[in-house]
């Protein structure tokens, strides 16, 4: 009989073995693309406008739930160890301290949103369900971001919604429709 540690190691080893060469390439590619999208930022305090969430949505849609989440975990890992992959914010530190800063909730939501988008699209692949899954992914990112902003930055939910959600509403809609269009174009799904 396996101990708990051995069983856990066995599950981790099995998961790593299931990720073949091409999968590793695409997981890494989406982590890097997310990092590049973070650099296309419009400065705003406390949370900048970036294209990161567009890549989060696409990672879940194109790679599937598990690999999309892995790509975002890899992105977070790169940032936590100090690589300059997170959006450049003046006076913001590098590394793990970013996770407890104003943008931490958004960043921590990336793997969850990628998984959720992939999970929903794996079950239903028509245009409106794809758009809905991407909206749900964006809402998860914004919700966790606002909760984190409230807890660690503003201590006021109304202020956090104002500076961490309301200002992104139009931008969020645009990114969802761009991501859905890109996904449908790449996957060859016809608009129904």
N, C-alpha and C. Protein backbone atom coordinates (compact mmCIF):
# COMPACT_ATOMS: atom_id res chain seq x y z
N UNK A 1 0.83 -1.19 0.00
CA UNK A 1 0.00 0.00 0.00
C UNK A 1 0.88 1.25 0.00
N UNK A 2 0.48 2.24 -0.80
CA UNK A 2 1.25 3.48 -0.91
C UNK A 2 0.92 4.43 0.23
N UNK A 3 1.96 5.12 0.72
CA UNK A 3 1.72 6.16 1.71
C UNK A 3 1.12 7.38 1.01
N UNK A 4 0.63 8.34 1.79
CA UNK A 4 0.05 9.56 1.20
C UNK A 4 1.08 10.29 0.35
N UNK A 5 2.33 10.38 0.83
CA UNK A 5 3.38 11.06 0.08
C UNK A 5 3.67 10.34 -1.24
N UNK A 6 3.74 9.02 -1.18
CA UNK A 6 4.00 8.25 -2.39
C UNK A 6 2.84 8.39 -3.37
N UNK A 7 1.60 8.36 -2.87
CA UNK A 7 0.43 8.51 -3.73
C UNK A 7 0.44 9.88 -4.40
N UNK A 8 0.77 10.93 -3.62
CA UNK A 8 0.82 12.28 -4.17
C UNK A 8 1.92 12.37 -5.22
N UNK A 9 3.11 11.84 -4.92
CA UNK A 9 4.21 11.86 -5.88
C UNK A 9 3.83 11.09 -7.14
N UNK A 10 3.11 10.00 -6.97
CA UNK A 10 2.67 9.21 -8.12
C UNK A 10 1.71 10.02 -8.99
N UNK A 11 0.80 10.76 -8.37
CA UNK A 11 -0.14 11.59 -9.13
C UNK A 11 0.60 12.71 -9.87
N UNK A 12 1.55 13.33 -9.21
CA UNK A 12 2.33 14.40 -9.83
C UNK A 12 3.13 13.84 -10.99
N UNK A 13 3.79 12.69 -10.79
CA UNK A 13 4.57 12.06 -11.84
C UNK A 13 3.68 11.69 -13.02
N UNK A 14 2.50 11.16 -12.74
CA UNK A 14 1.57 10.79 -13.81
C UNK A 14 1.16 12.02 -14.62
N UNK A 15 0.85 13.11 -13.91
CA UNK A 15 0.47 14.35 -14.60
C UNK A 15 1.60 14.86 -15.47
N UNK A 16 2.83 14.81 -14.96
CA UNK A 16 3.98 15.27 -15.75
C UNK A 16 4.22 14.38 -16.96
N UNK A 17 4.00 13.08 -16.82
CA UNK A 17 4.20 12.16 -17.93
C UNK A 17 3.17 12.38 -19.03
N UNK A 18 1.97 12.84 -18.65
CA UNK A 18 0.92 13.08 -19.63
C UNK A 18 1.20 14.31 -20.50
N UNK A 19 2.09 15.16 -20.04
CA UNK A 19 2.43 16.36 -20.81
C UNK A 19 3.57 15.99 -21.76
N UNK A 20 3.23 15.77 -23.00
CA UNK A 20 4.23 15.37 -23.99
C UNK A 20 4.95 16.61 -24.54
N UNK A 21 5.92 16.36 -25.42
CA UNK A 21 6.73 17.43 -26.00
C UNK A 21 5.92 18.57 -26.59
N UNK A 22 4.99 18.30 -27.53
CA UNK A 22 4.22 19.41 -28.11
C UNK A 22 3.38 20.15 -27.07
N UNK A 23 2.87 19.44 -26.09
CA UNK A 23 2.08 20.10 -25.05
C UNK A 23 2.97 21.04 -24.23
N UNK A 24 4.17 20.57 -23.89
CA UNK A 24 5.09 21.42 -23.14
C UNK A 24 5.41 22.68 -23.93
N UNK A 25 5.61 22.52 -25.24
CA UNK A 25 5.89 23.68 -26.09
C UNK A 25 4.75 24.69 -25.99
N UNK A 26 3.51 24.25 -26.15
CA UNK A 26 2.38 25.18 -26.14
C UNK A 26 2.11 25.76 -24.75
N UNK A 27 2.31 24.97 -23.72
CA UNK A 27 2.17 25.50 -22.35
C UNK A 27 3.19 26.61 -22.13
N UNK A 28 4.43 26.35 -22.51
CA UNK A 28 5.49 27.35 -22.37
C UNK A 28 5.22 28.56 -23.26
N UNK A 29 4.76 28.30 -24.48
CA UNK A 29 4.48 29.40 -25.41
C UNK A 29 3.41 30.33 -24.85
N UNK A 30 2.35 29.77 -24.27
CA UNK A 30 1.30 30.63 -23.73
C UNK A 30 1.75 31.36 -22.46
N UNK A 31 2.63 30.74 -21.68
CA UNK A 31 3.19 31.46 -20.53
C UNK A 31 4.00 32.66 -21.01
N UNK A 32 4.79 32.46 -22.06
CA UNK A 32 5.61 33.55 -22.61
C UNK A 32 4.72 34.61 -23.27
N UNK A 33 3.71 34.17 -24.01
CA UNK A 33 2.79 35.13 -24.64
C UNK A 33 2.06 35.96 -23.59
N UNK A 34 1.68 35.33 -22.47
CA UNK A 34 1.05 36.09 -21.38
C UNK A 34 2.02 37.12 -20.82
N UNK A 35 3.29 36.73 -20.69
CA UNK A 35 4.30 37.67 -20.20
C UNK A 35 4.48 38.84 -21.17
N UNK A 36 4.50 38.54 -22.46
CA UNK A 36 4.62 39.61 -23.45
C UNK A 36 3.39 40.53 -23.43
N UNK A 37 2.21 39.94 -23.28
CA UNK A 37 0.98 40.73 -23.22
C UNK A 37 0.97 41.65 -22.00
N UNK A 38 1.62 41.22 -20.93
CA UNK A 38 1.70 42.06 -19.73
C UNK A 38 2.52 43.31 -19.97
N UNK A 39 3.44 43.23 -20.91
CA UNK A 39 4.31 44.38 -21.19
C UNK A 39 3.61 45.44 -22.03
N UNK A 40 2.52 45.06 -22.66
CA UNK A 40 1.70 46.02 -23.42
C UNK A 40 0.69 46.61 -22.45
N UNK A 41 1.14 47.51 -21.62
CA UNK A 41 0.32 48.02 -20.52
C UNK A 41 0.07 49.51 -20.66
N UNK A 42 -1.13 49.89 -20.30
CA UNK A 42 -1.47 51.30 -20.15
C UNK A 42 -1.47 51.56 -18.65
N UNK A 43 -0.54 52.38 -18.19
CA UNK A 43 -0.42 52.57 -16.74
C UNK A 43 -1.68 53.16 -16.13
N UNK A 44 -2.12 52.56 -15.07
CA UNK A 44 -3.23 53.06 -14.26
C UNK A 44 -2.96 52.53 -12.86
N UNK A 45 -3.35 53.27 -11.87
CA UNK A 45 -3.14 52.83 -10.49
C UNK A 45 -4.48 52.49 -9.89
N UNK A 46 -4.58 51.42 -9.17
CA UNK A 46 -3.51 50.51 -8.77
C UNK A 46 -3.30 49.36 -9.75
N UNK A 47 -4.18 49.22 -10.76
CA UNK A 47 -4.11 48.08 -11.68
C UNK A 47 -4.05 48.61 -13.11
N UNK A 48 -2.99 48.25 -13.86
CA UNK A 48 -2.86 48.75 -15.24
C UNK A 48 -3.77 47.99 -16.22
N UNK A 49 -4.02 48.61 -17.35
CA UNK A 49 -4.72 47.94 -18.45
C UNK A 49 -3.67 47.13 -19.20
N UNK A 50 -3.93 45.84 -19.39
CA UNK A 50 -3.00 44.99 -20.16
C UNK A 50 -3.79 44.05 -21.07
N UNK A 51 -3.05 43.31 -21.88
CA UNK A 51 -3.67 42.28 -22.73
C UNK A 51 -3.53 40.88 -22.11
N UNK A 52 -3.06 40.79 -20.87
CA UNK A 52 -2.84 39.49 -20.25
C UNK A 52 -4.08 38.61 -20.27
N UNK A 53 -5.21 39.16 -19.87
CA UNK A 53 -6.39 38.30 -19.75
C UNK A 53 -6.84 37.75 -21.10
N UNK A 54 -6.55 38.46 -22.17
CA UNK A 54 -6.84 37.92 -23.50
C UNK A 54 -6.09 36.60 -23.70
N UNK A 55 -4.83 36.55 -23.29
CA UNK A 55 -4.04 35.32 -23.42
C UNK A 55 -4.47 34.27 -22.41
N UNK A 56 -4.92 34.68 -21.24
CA UNK A 56 -5.45 33.71 -20.27
C UNK A 56 -6.65 32.99 -20.87
N UNK A 57 -7.57 33.75 -21.46
CA UNK A 57 -8.76 33.16 -22.08
C UNK A 57 -8.37 32.23 -23.21
N UNK A 58 -7.45 32.67 -24.06
CA UNK A 58 -7.03 31.84 -25.19
C UNK A 58 -6.26 30.60 -24.74
N UNK A 59 -5.51 30.70 -23.66
CA UNK A 59 -4.78 29.52 -23.18
C UNK A 59 -5.75 28.43 -22.76
N UNK A 60 -6.82 28.81 -22.05
CA UNK A 60 -7.81 27.81 -21.67
C UNK A 60 -8.57 27.27 -22.86
N UNK A 61 -8.94 28.16 -23.78
CA UNK A 61 -9.72 27.75 -24.95
C UNK A 61 -8.92 26.85 -25.88
N UNK A 62 -7.69 27.23 -26.18
CA UNK A 62 -6.90 26.51 -27.17
C UNK A 62 -6.14 25.31 -26.61
N UNK A 63 -5.70 25.40 -25.36
CA UNK A 63 -4.92 24.30 -24.78
C UNK A 63 -5.78 23.34 -23.98
N UNK A 64 -6.99 23.74 -23.65
CA UNK A 64 -7.84 22.91 -22.80
C UNK A 64 -7.69 23.32 -21.35
N UNK A 65 -8.56 22.79 -20.53
CA UNK A 65 -8.61 23.22 -19.14
C UNK A 65 -7.29 22.98 -18.40
N UNK A 66 -6.79 21.78 -18.44
CA UNK A 66 -5.60 21.45 -17.66
C UNK A 66 -4.36 22.17 -18.18
N UNK A 67 -4.10 22.08 -19.48
CA UNK A 67 -2.89 22.69 -20.02
C UNK A 67 -2.96 24.21 -20.02
N UNK A 68 -4.17 24.76 -20.19
CA UNK A 68 -4.33 26.21 -20.06
C UNK A 68 -3.96 26.68 -18.66
N UNK A 69 -4.44 25.94 -17.66
CA UNK A 69 -4.09 26.29 -16.27
C UNK A 69 -2.59 26.12 -16.04
N UNK A 70 -2.00 25.03 -16.57
CA UNK A 70 -0.55 24.83 -16.42
C UNK A 70 0.22 26.02 -17.00
N UNK A 71 -0.23 26.52 -18.15
CA UNK A 71 0.50 27.64 -18.77
C UNK A 71 0.47 28.86 -17.87
N UNK A 72 -0.64 29.07 -17.19
CA UNK A 72 -0.75 30.23 -16.31
C UNK A 72 -0.01 30.02 -14.99
N UNK A 73 0.02 28.77 -14.52
CA UNK A 73 0.86 28.47 -13.35
C UNK A 73 2.33 28.72 -13.68
N UNK A 74 2.75 28.34 -14.89
CA UNK A 74 4.12 28.59 -15.31
C UNK A 74 4.40 30.09 -15.38
N UNK A 75 3.46 30.84 -15.92
CA UNK A 75 3.60 32.30 -15.97
C UNK A 75 3.78 32.87 -14.56
N UNK A 76 2.93 32.44 -13.63
CA UNK A 76 3.04 32.93 -12.25
C UNK A 76 4.38 32.52 -11.64
N UNK A 77 4.81 31.29 -11.88
CA UNK A 77 6.08 30.82 -11.35
C UNK A 77 7.23 31.70 -11.85
N UNK A 78 7.21 32.01 -13.15
CA UNK A 78 8.27 32.85 -13.71
C UNK A 78 8.31 34.20 -13.00
N UNK A 79 7.13 34.77 -12.74
CA UNK A 79 7.08 36.06 -12.06
C UNK A 79 7.47 35.98 -10.60
N UNK A 80 7.03 34.92 -9.92
CA UNK A 80 7.32 34.77 -8.49
C UNK A 80 8.81 34.61 -8.23
N UNK A 81 9.52 33.94 -9.15
CA UNK A 81 10.97 33.78 -8.95
C UNK A 81 11.77 35.02 -9.34
N UNK A 82 11.06 36.04 -9.82
CA UNK A 82 11.73 37.31 -10.07
C UNK A 82 11.95 37.69 -11.52
N UNK A 83 11.54 36.86 -12.46
CA UNK A 83 11.65 37.26 -13.86
C UNK A 83 10.68 38.42 -14.11
N UNK A 84 11.04 39.38 -14.91
CA UNK A 84 10.20 40.56 -15.12
C UNK A 84 9.05 40.30 -16.11
N UNK A 85 8.16 39.38 -15.76
CA UNK A 85 7.07 39.00 -16.65
C UNK A 85 5.75 39.69 -16.33
N UNK A 86 5.63 40.21 -15.12
CA UNK A 86 4.40 40.90 -14.75
C UNK A 86 4.40 42.30 -15.35
N UNK A 87 3.22 42.90 -15.47
CA UNK A 87 3.09 44.25 -16.02
C UNK A 87 4.00 45.20 -15.24
N UNK A 88 4.68 46.04 -15.97
CA UNK A 88 5.60 46.99 -15.33
C UNK A 88 4.80 48.14 -14.72
N UNK A 89 4.84 48.20 -13.40
CA UNK A 89 4.15 49.24 -12.65
C UNK A 89 5.23 50.03 -11.92
N UNK A 90 5.24 51.35 -12.06
CA UNK A 90 6.26 52.14 -11.36
C UNK A 90 6.24 51.85 -9.86
N UNK A 91 7.40 51.71 -9.29
CA UNK A 91 7.59 51.46 -7.86
C UNK A 91 7.11 50.10 -7.40
N UNK A 92 6.69 49.22 -8.30
CA UNK A 92 6.25 47.88 -7.90
C UNK A 92 7.46 46.95 -7.84
N UNK A 93 7.52 46.14 -6.80
CA UNK A 93 8.64 45.20 -6.68
C UNK A 93 8.50 44.04 -7.65
N UNK A 94 9.58 43.30 -7.81
CA UNK A 94 9.55 42.08 -8.62
C UNK A 94 9.31 40.89 -7.69
N UNK A 95 8.96 39.78 -8.28
CA UNK A 95 8.90 38.52 -7.54
C UNK A 95 7.63 38.33 -6.74
N UNK A 96 7.78 37.52 -5.69
CA UNK A 96 6.63 37.09 -4.90
C UNK A 96 5.83 38.24 -4.30
N UNK A 97 6.48 39.32 -3.96
CA UNK A 97 5.77 40.44 -3.33
C UNK A 97 4.68 41.01 -4.24
N UNK A 98 4.78 40.78 -5.54
CA UNK A 98 3.74 41.21 -6.47
C UNK A 98 2.41 40.51 -6.18
N UNK A 99 2.50 39.28 -5.69
CA UNK A 99 1.31 38.49 -5.42
C UNK A 99 0.50 39.09 -4.27
N UNK A 100 1.15 39.73 -3.34
CA UNK A 100 0.41 40.35 -2.24
C UNK A 100 0.15 41.85 -2.50
N UNK A 101 0.59 42.35 -3.64
CA UNK A 101 0.34 43.73 -4.02
C UNK A 101 -1.04 43.87 -4.64
N UNK A 102 -1.37 45.05 -5.15
CA UNK A 102 -2.70 45.32 -5.69
C UNK A 102 -3.13 44.40 -6.83
N UNK A 103 -2.18 43.93 -7.63
CA UNK A 103 -2.55 43.09 -8.78
C UNK A 103 -2.55 41.60 -8.46
N UNK A 104 -2.22 41.23 -7.24
CA UNK A 104 -2.09 39.83 -6.87
C UNK A 104 -3.33 38.98 -7.09
N UNK A 105 -4.48 39.49 -6.77
CA UNK A 105 -5.71 38.72 -6.95
C UNK A 105 -5.99 38.41 -8.40
N UNK A 106 -5.73 39.37 -9.27
CA UNK A 106 -5.91 39.15 -10.70
C UNK A 106 -4.95 38.06 -11.17
N UNK A 107 -3.69 38.19 -10.78
CA UNK A 107 -2.67 37.21 -11.20
C UNK A 107 -3.01 35.82 -10.70
N UNK A 108 -3.40 35.69 -9.44
CA UNK A 108 -3.71 34.38 -8.89
C UNK A 108 -4.95 33.76 -9.53
N UNK A 109 -5.80 34.58 -10.10
CA UNK A 109 -7.00 34.08 -10.76
C UNK A 109 -6.73 33.53 -12.16
N UNK A 110 -5.58 33.84 -12.73
CA UNK A 110 -5.30 33.42 -14.11
C UNK A 110 -5.42 31.91 -14.32
N UNK A 111 -4.77 31.06 -13.50
CA UNK A 111 -4.91 29.62 -13.74
C UNK A 111 -6.35 29.13 -13.56
N UNK A 112 -7.07 29.71 -12.61
CA UNK A 112 -8.46 29.32 -12.37
C UNK A 112 -9.31 29.68 -13.59
N UNK A 113 -9.13 30.88 -14.09
CA UNK A 113 -9.91 31.33 -15.25
C UNK A 113 -9.57 30.51 -16.49
N UNK A 114 -8.29 30.23 -16.72
CA UNK A 114 -7.90 29.42 -17.88
C UNK A 114 -8.52 28.04 -17.78
N UNK A 115 -8.47 27.45 -16.60
CA UNK A 115 -9.06 26.12 -16.40
C UNK A 115 -10.56 26.17 -16.68
N UNK A 116 -11.22 27.15 -16.11
CA UNK A 116 -12.68 27.26 -16.26
C UNK A 116 -13.09 27.47 -17.71
N UNK A 117 -12.41 28.35 -18.41
CA UNK A 117 -12.71 28.59 -19.83
C UNK A 117 -12.52 27.30 -20.62
N UNK A 118 -11.40 26.63 -20.41
CA UNK A 118 -11.15 25.37 -21.11
C UNK A 118 -12.19 24.32 -20.78
N UNK A 119 -12.53 24.20 -19.51
CA UNK A 119 -13.52 23.22 -19.05
C UNK A 119 -14.87 23.45 -19.73
N UNK A 120 -15.31 24.70 -19.76
CA UNK A 120 -16.62 25.01 -20.36
C UNK A 120 -16.60 24.81 -21.88
N UNK A 121 -15.53 25.20 -22.53
CA UNK A 121 -15.45 25.04 -23.99
C UNK A 121 -15.32 23.57 -24.37
N UNK A 122 -14.67 22.77 -23.53
CA UNK A 122 -14.57 21.34 -23.81
C UNK A 122 -15.95 20.68 -23.84
N UNK A 123 -16.93 21.28 -23.18
CA UNK A 123 -18.27 20.72 -23.11
C UNK A 123 -19.23 21.25 -24.17
N UNK A 124 -19.01 22.48 -24.61
CA UNK A 124 -19.92 23.10 -25.58
C UNK A 124 -19.13 24.05 -26.47
N UNK A 125 -19.20 23.84 -27.79
CA UNK A 125 -18.37 24.62 -28.71
C UNK A 125 -19.18 25.38 -29.74
N UNK A 126 -20.21 26.08 -29.32
CA UNK A 126 -20.87 26.98 -30.26
C UNK A 126 -20.49 28.41 -29.87
N UNK A 127 -20.73 29.33 -30.77
CA UNK A 127 -20.25 30.71 -30.59
C UNK A 127 -20.67 31.31 -29.24
N UNK A 128 -21.94 31.23 -28.92
CA UNK A 128 -22.41 31.90 -27.70
C UNK A 128 -21.91 31.23 -26.43
N UNK A 129 -21.74 29.92 -26.45
CA UNK A 129 -21.19 29.26 -25.26
C UNK A 129 -19.70 29.60 -25.10
N UNK A 130 -19.00 29.78 -26.22
CA UNK A 130 -17.60 30.18 -26.17
C UNK A 130 -17.49 31.60 -25.59
N UNK A 131 -18.32 32.50 -26.08
CA UNK A 131 -18.32 33.87 -25.56
C UNK A 131 -18.69 33.86 -24.07
N UNK A 132 -19.71 33.09 -23.71
CA UNK A 132 -20.14 33.03 -22.30
C UNK A 132 -19.03 32.47 -21.41
N UNK A 133 -18.34 31.42 -21.88
CA UNK A 133 -17.26 30.85 -21.07
C UNK A 133 -16.14 31.86 -20.86
N UNK A 134 -15.87 32.66 -21.89
CA UNK A 134 -14.81 33.66 -21.77
C UNK A 134 -15.25 34.81 -20.85
N UNK A 135 -16.51 35.19 -20.90
CA UNK A 135 -17.01 36.20 -19.96
C UNK A 135 -16.91 35.68 -18.52
N UNK A 136 -17.25 34.42 -18.33
CA UNK A 136 -17.14 33.84 -16.99
C UNK A 136 -15.70 33.86 -16.53
N UNK A 137 -14.77 33.51 -17.42
CA UNK A 137 -13.35 33.58 -17.07
C UNK A 137 -12.91 34.98 -16.69
N UNK A 138 -13.33 35.97 -17.46
CA UNK A 138 -13.01 37.37 -17.14
C UNK A 138 -13.62 37.78 -15.80
N UNK A 139 -14.85 37.37 -15.56
CA UNK A 139 -15.51 37.73 -14.31
C UNK A 139 -14.80 37.11 -13.10
N UNK A 140 -14.31 35.89 -13.25
CA UNK A 140 -13.54 35.25 -12.16
C UNK A 140 -12.29 36.08 -11.88
N UNK A 141 -11.59 36.49 -12.92
CA UNK A 141 -10.37 37.29 -12.74
C UNK A 141 -10.71 38.61 -12.03
N UNK A 142 -11.74 39.29 -12.50
CA UNK A 142 -12.11 40.58 -11.91
C UNK A 142 -12.60 40.40 -10.47
N UNK A 143 -13.42 39.38 -10.23
CA UNK A 143 -13.95 39.16 -8.88
C UNK A 143 -12.82 38.89 -7.89
N UNK A 144 -11.91 37.97 -8.24
CA UNK A 144 -10.80 37.68 -7.34
C UNK A 144 -9.87 38.89 -7.20
N UNK A 145 -9.70 39.63 -8.28
CA UNK A 145 -8.88 40.83 -8.22
C UNK A 145 -9.47 41.87 -7.28
N UNK A 146 -10.78 42.08 -7.39
CA UNK A 146 -11.44 43.07 -6.53
C UNK A 146 -11.41 42.63 -5.07
N UNK A 147 -11.64 41.35 -4.81
CA UNK A 147 -11.58 40.86 -3.43
C UNK A 147 -10.18 41.05 -2.84
N UNK A 148 -9.17 40.77 -3.65
CA UNK A 148 -7.79 40.95 -3.21
C UNK A 148 -7.47 42.44 -2.99
N UNK A 149 -7.93 43.28 -3.91
CA UNK A 149 -7.73 44.73 -3.75
C UNK A 149 -8.37 45.22 -2.45
N UNK A 150 -9.56 44.71 -2.18
CA UNK A 150 -10.26 45.11 -0.95
C UNK A 150 -9.47 44.68 0.27
N UNK A 151 -9.02 43.45 0.29
CA UNK A 151 -8.32 42.90 1.46
C UNK A 151 -6.95 43.53 1.68
N UNK A 152 -6.19 43.76 0.60
CA UNK A 152 -4.80 44.17 0.76
C UNK A 152 -4.49 45.61 0.38
N UNK A 153 -5.45 46.32 -0.20
CA UNK A 153 -5.11 47.64 -0.70
C UNK A 153 -6.09 48.72 -0.26
N UNK A 154 -7.36 48.60 -0.63
CA UNK A 154 -8.30 49.69 -0.36
C UNK A 154 -9.06 49.55 0.96
N UNK A 155 -9.26 48.33 1.42
CA UNK A 155 -10.09 48.02 2.59
C UNK A 155 -11.52 48.57 2.42
N UNK A 156 -11.92 48.81 1.19
CA UNK A 156 -13.25 49.34 0.89
C UNK A 156 -13.73 48.70 -0.41
N UNK A 157 -14.76 47.88 -0.34
CA UNK A 157 -15.23 47.15 -1.52
C UNK A 157 -15.72 48.10 -2.62
N UNK A 158 -16.39 49.19 -2.26
CA UNK A 158 -16.86 50.14 -3.27
C UNK A 158 -15.70 50.76 -4.04
N UNK A 159 -14.67 51.16 -3.33
CA UNK A 159 -13.49 51.73 -3.97
C UNK A 159 -12.78 50.69 -4.84
N UNK A 160 -12.70 49.46 -4.33
CA UNK A 160 -12.05 48.39 -5.09
C UNK A 160 -12.81 48.10 -6.38
N UNK A 161 -14.13 48.10 -6.33
CA UNK A 161 -14.93 47.88 -7.54
C UNK A 161 -14.70 49.03 -8.52
N UNK A 162 -14.63 50.24 -8.00
CA UNK A 162 -14.42 51.41 -8.87
C UNK A 162 -13.06 51.37 -9.58
N UNK A 163 -11.99 51.10 -8.83
CA UNK A 163 -10.65 51.15 -9.43
C UNK A 163 -10.18 49.81 -9.99
N UNK A 164 -10.89 48.72 -9.65
CA UNK A 164 -10.43 47.41 -10.07
C UNK A 164 -11.38 46.62 -10.94
N UNK A 165 -12.57 47.17 -11.20
CA UNK A 165 -13.53 46.44 -12.04
C UNK A 165 -14.24 47.38 -13.02
N UNK A 166 -14.84 48.43 -12.50
CA UNK A 166 -15.66 49.31 -13.35
C UNK A 166 -14.86 49.91 -14.50
N UNK A 167 -13.64 50.32 -14.22
CA UNK A 167 -12.84 50.94 -15.28
C UNK A 167 -12.44 49.95 -16.37
N UNK A 168 -12.55 48.65 -16.08
CA UNK A 168 -12.17 47.63 -17.05
C UNK A 168 -13.35 47.07 -17.84
N UNK A 169 -14.56 47.50 -17.55
CA UNK A 169 -15.75 46.85 -18.12
C UNK A 169 -15.77 46.86 -19.65
N UNK A 170 -15.56 47.99 -20.28
CA UNK A 170 -15.57 48.05 -21.75
C UNK A 170 -14.41 47.23 -22.30
N UNK A 171 -13.24 47.42 -21.72
CA UNK A 171 -12.02 46.72 -22.13
C UNK A 171 -12.23 45.21 -22.03
N UNK A 172 -12.92 44.75 -20.98
CA UNK A 172 -13.18 43.34 -20.78
C UNK A 172 -14.06 42.78 -21.90
N UNK A 173 -15.09 43.51 -22.27
CA UNK A 173 -15.99 43.08 -23.35
C UNK A 173 -15.23 42.97 -24.66
N UNK A 174 -14.41 43.96 -24.94
CA UNK A 174 -13.62 43.96 -26.19
C UNK A 174 -12.69 42.74 -26.21
N UNK A 175 -11.99 42.47 -25.09
CA UNK A 175 -11.06 41.34 -25.06
C UNK A 175 -11.78 40.01 -25.21
N UNK A 176 -12.96 39.88 -24.63
CA UNK A 176 -13.72 38.63 -24.76
C UNK A 176 -14.08 38.37 -26.22
N UNK A 177 -14.58 39.39 -26.91
CA UNK A 177 -14.97 39.19 -28.31
C UNK A 177 -13.75 38.97 -29.22
N UNK A 178 -12.64 39.62 -28.92
CA UNK A 178 -11.41 39.36 -29.67
C UNK A 178 -10.96 37.92 -29.44
N UNK A 179 -10.92 37.49 -28.17
CA UNK A 179 -10.49 36.12 -27.85
C UNK A 179 -11.41 35.09 -28.50
N UNK A 180 -12.72 35.33 -28.46
CA UNK A 180 -13.66 34.39 -29.07
C UNK A 180 -13.45 34.31 -30.58
N UNK A 181 -13.22 35.45 -31.20
CA UNK A 181 -12.99 35.48 -32.66
C UNK A 181 -11.70 34.76 -33.02
N UNK A 182 -10.63 35.02 -32.27
CA UNK A 182 -9.36 34.34 -32.52
C UNK A 182 -9.53 32.84 -32.33
N UNK A 183 -10.17 32.44 -31.25
CA UNK A 183 -10.37 31.01 -30.99
C UNK A 183 -11.16 30.36 -32.12
N UNK A 184 -12.24 30.99 -32.53
CA UNK A 184 -13.06 30.41 -33.59
C UNK A 184 -12.30 30.35 -34.92
N UNK A 185 -11.51 31.37 -35.19
CA UNK A 185 -10.70 31.37 -36.41
C UNK A 185 -9.66 30.28 -36.43
N UNK A 186 -8.98 30.10 -35.30
CA UNK A 186 -7.93 29.07 -35.21
C UNK A 186 -8.53 27.67 -35.18
N UNK A 187 -9.62 27.50 -34.45
CA UNK A 187 -10.18 26.16 -34.29
C UNK A 187 -11.07 25.75 -35.46
N UNK A 188 -11.44 26.72 -36.29
CA UNK A 188 -12.27 26.40 -37.46
C UNK A 188 -13.74 26.20 -37.14
N UNK A 189 -14.18 26.62 -35.98
CA UNK A 189 -15.59 26.49 -35.61
C UNK A 189 -16.37 27.59 -36.32
N UNK A 190 -17.46 27.21 -36.93
CA UNK A 190 -18.31 28.17 -37.64
C UNK A 190 -19.25 28.86 -36.65
N UNK A 191 -19.52 30.13 -36.89
CA UNK A 191 -20.42 30.92 -36.04
C UNK A 191 -21.85 30.42 -36.22
N UNK A 192 -22.41 29.86 -35.14
CA UNK A 192 -23.79 29.34 -35.21
C UNK A 192 -24.68 30.11 -34.28
